[in-house]
Amino acid sequence: MKAKYLFNSKELAEDSSQGFNLDNDVNIFAVKKQGQIYLYKNSCPHLGIELEWVEDQFLDATNTLIQCSTHGAQFLIENGDCVAGPCRGQNLSRVAFHMDDEGLIWIDN
């Protein structure tokens, strides 16, 4: 399987998020928290809709939780667990990736 370059982790600010559209029309997003990168599919487990209300805005007002703009469901950044809202107990789908020595993020196609 061939790896696809996604972005440079150094260009994503701490406590921020960014969305990406992959070649196969799968939308994903990245969050950076405490220097760690987390990648998830951009799909709320409640209705399967995209999470952001504005481009690249996946976090709540305090930048401590991922938030669905439609019904306000909130998810832990570290593992995608829904902790509040209509999909409580469900999870965001993680996207497997690796980061090289230069901080570049690669995903498998």
Protein backbone atom coordinates (compact mmCIF):
# COMPACT_ATOMS: atom_id res chain seq x y z
CA MET A 1 0.00 0.00 0.00
CA LYS A 2 1.32 3.43 -0.95
CA ALA A 3 1.54 6.24 1.63
CA LYS A 4 0.15 9.67 0.76
CA TYR A 5 1.61 12.89 2.12
CA LEU A 6 -1.03 14.89 3.98
CA PHE A 7 0.63 17.86 5.73
CA ASN A 8 3.53 19.11 7.82
CA SER A 9 2.64 18.83 11.51
CA LYS A 10 4.76 21.92 12.25
CA GLU A 11 2.31 24.03 10.22
CA LEU A 12 -0.70 23.09 12.37
CA ALA A 13 -0.93 25.39 15.39
CA GLU A 14 -1.32 23.96 18.87
CA ASP A 15 -5.00 23.54 19.92
CA SER A 16 -6.25 23.89 16.36
CA SER A 17 -7.75 21.73 13.63
CA GLN A 18 -7.65 21.41 9.85
CA GLY A 19 -9.78 19.52 7.35
CA PHE A 20 -8.61 17.60 4.29
CA ASN A 21 -10.30 16.05 1.27
CA LEU A 22 -8.60 12.89 0.06
CA ASP A 23 -8.53 11.80 -3.58
CA ASN A 24 -11.23 9.20 -2.93
CA ASP A 25 -13.67 11.89 -1.68
CA VAL A 26 -13.14 10.93 1.95
CA ASN A 27 -13.04 13.94 4.24
CA ILE A 28 -10.82 13.79 7.30
CA PHE A 29 -9.48 16.27 9.84
CA ALA A 30 -6.47 16.70 12.06
CA VAL A 31 -6.24 18.15 15.56
CA LYS A 32 -3.06 19.13 17.37
CA LYS A 33 -3.08 18.95 21.16
CA GLN A 34 -0.02 19.04 23.42
CA GLY A 35 2.19 18.47 20.39
CA GLN A 36 0.33 15.30 19.37
CA ILE A 37 -1.55 14.89 16.10
CA TYR A 38 -4.91 13.10 15.92
CA LEU A 39 -6.67 12.21 12.64
CA TYR A 40 -10.34 11.29 12.26
CA LYS A 41 -12.87 10.84 9.47
CA ASN A 42 -15.03 13.95 9.19
CA SER A 43 -18.28 12.18 10.00
CA CYS A 44 -20.42 12.41 13.12
CA PRO A 45 -21.53 8.95 14.27
CA HIS A 46 -25.01 10.35 14.99
CA LEU A 47 -26.09 11.17 11.42
CA GLY A 48 -22.96 10.67 9.33
CA ILE A 49 -22.73 14.40 8.59
CA GLU A 50 -19.59 16.50 8.51
CA LEU A 51 -18.65 18.04 11.85
CA GLU A 52 -17.39 21.56 11.15
CA TRP A 53 -19.53 24.67 10.96
CA VAL A 54 -16.80 26.77 9.34
CA GLU A 55 -13.88 25.46 7.29
CA ASP A 56 -11.22 23.90 9.55
CA GLN A 57 -13.26 24.60 12.73
CA PHE A 58 -13.73 21.24 14.45
CA LEU A 59 -13.13 22.29 18.07
CA ASP A 60 -15.41 23.84 20.66
CA ALA A 61 -14.95 27.43 21.89
CA THR A 62 -12.35 26.33 24.46
CA ASN A 63 -10.37 24.20 21.95
CA THR A 64 -10.54 21.25 24.36
CA LEU A 65 -13.14 19.05 22.62
CA ILE A 66 -14.12 18.19 19.06
CA GLN A 67 -17.67 19.41 18.49
CA CYS A 68 -20.32 18.57 15.91
CA SER A 69 -21.83 21.79 14.64
CA THR A 70 -25.25 20.27 13.94
CA HIS A 71 -26.32 18.81 17.29
CA GLY A 72 -23.48 19.88 19.57
CA ALA A 73 -22.09 16.39 20.25
CA GLN A 74 -18.68 16.61 21.89
CA PHE A 75 -15.78 14.20 21.49
CA LEU A 76 -12.49 13.73 23.31
CA ILE A 77 -9.58 14.79 21.12
CA GLU A 78 -7.34 11.96 22.31
CA ASN A 79 -9.58 9.04 21.32
CA GLY A 80 -12.72 10.33 19.57
CA ASP A 81 -15.11 9.13 22.30
CA CYS A 82 -18.40 11.02 22.35
CA VAL A 83 -18.88 12.40 25.87
CA ALA A 84 -21.94 14.61 25.31
CA GLY A 85 -24.80 14.81 22.83
CA PRO A 86 -27.01 12.41 20.87
CA CYS A 87 -24.21 9.95 20.03
CA ARG A 88 -22.87 9.60 23.59
CA GLY A 89 -20.93 6.33 23.89
CA GLN A 90 -20.05 6.21 20.18
CA ASN A 91 -16.74 7.19 18.60
CA LEU A 92 -15.28 9.11 15.73
CA SER A 93 -13.43 6.89 13.25
CA ARG A 94 -9.67 7.20 13.54
CA VAL A 95 -7.49 7.51 10.47
CA ALA A 96 -4.22 5.58 10.59
CA PHE A 97 -1.12 7.63 9.84
CA HIS A 98 2.55 7.92 10.60
CA MET A 99 4.79 10.91 11.14
CA ASP A 100 8.34 10.88 9.79
CA ASP A 101 11.42 12.38 11.45
CA GLU A 102 10.73 15.76 9.82
CA GLY A 103 7.17 15.99 11.20
CA LEU A 104 5.48 15.14 7.90
CA ILE A 105 2.16 13.29 8.24
CA TRP A 106 1.56 10.35 5.88
CA ILE A 107 -1.58 8.23 5.51
CA ASP A 108 -2.08 4.95 3.68
CA ASN A 109 -4.35 5.02 0.63
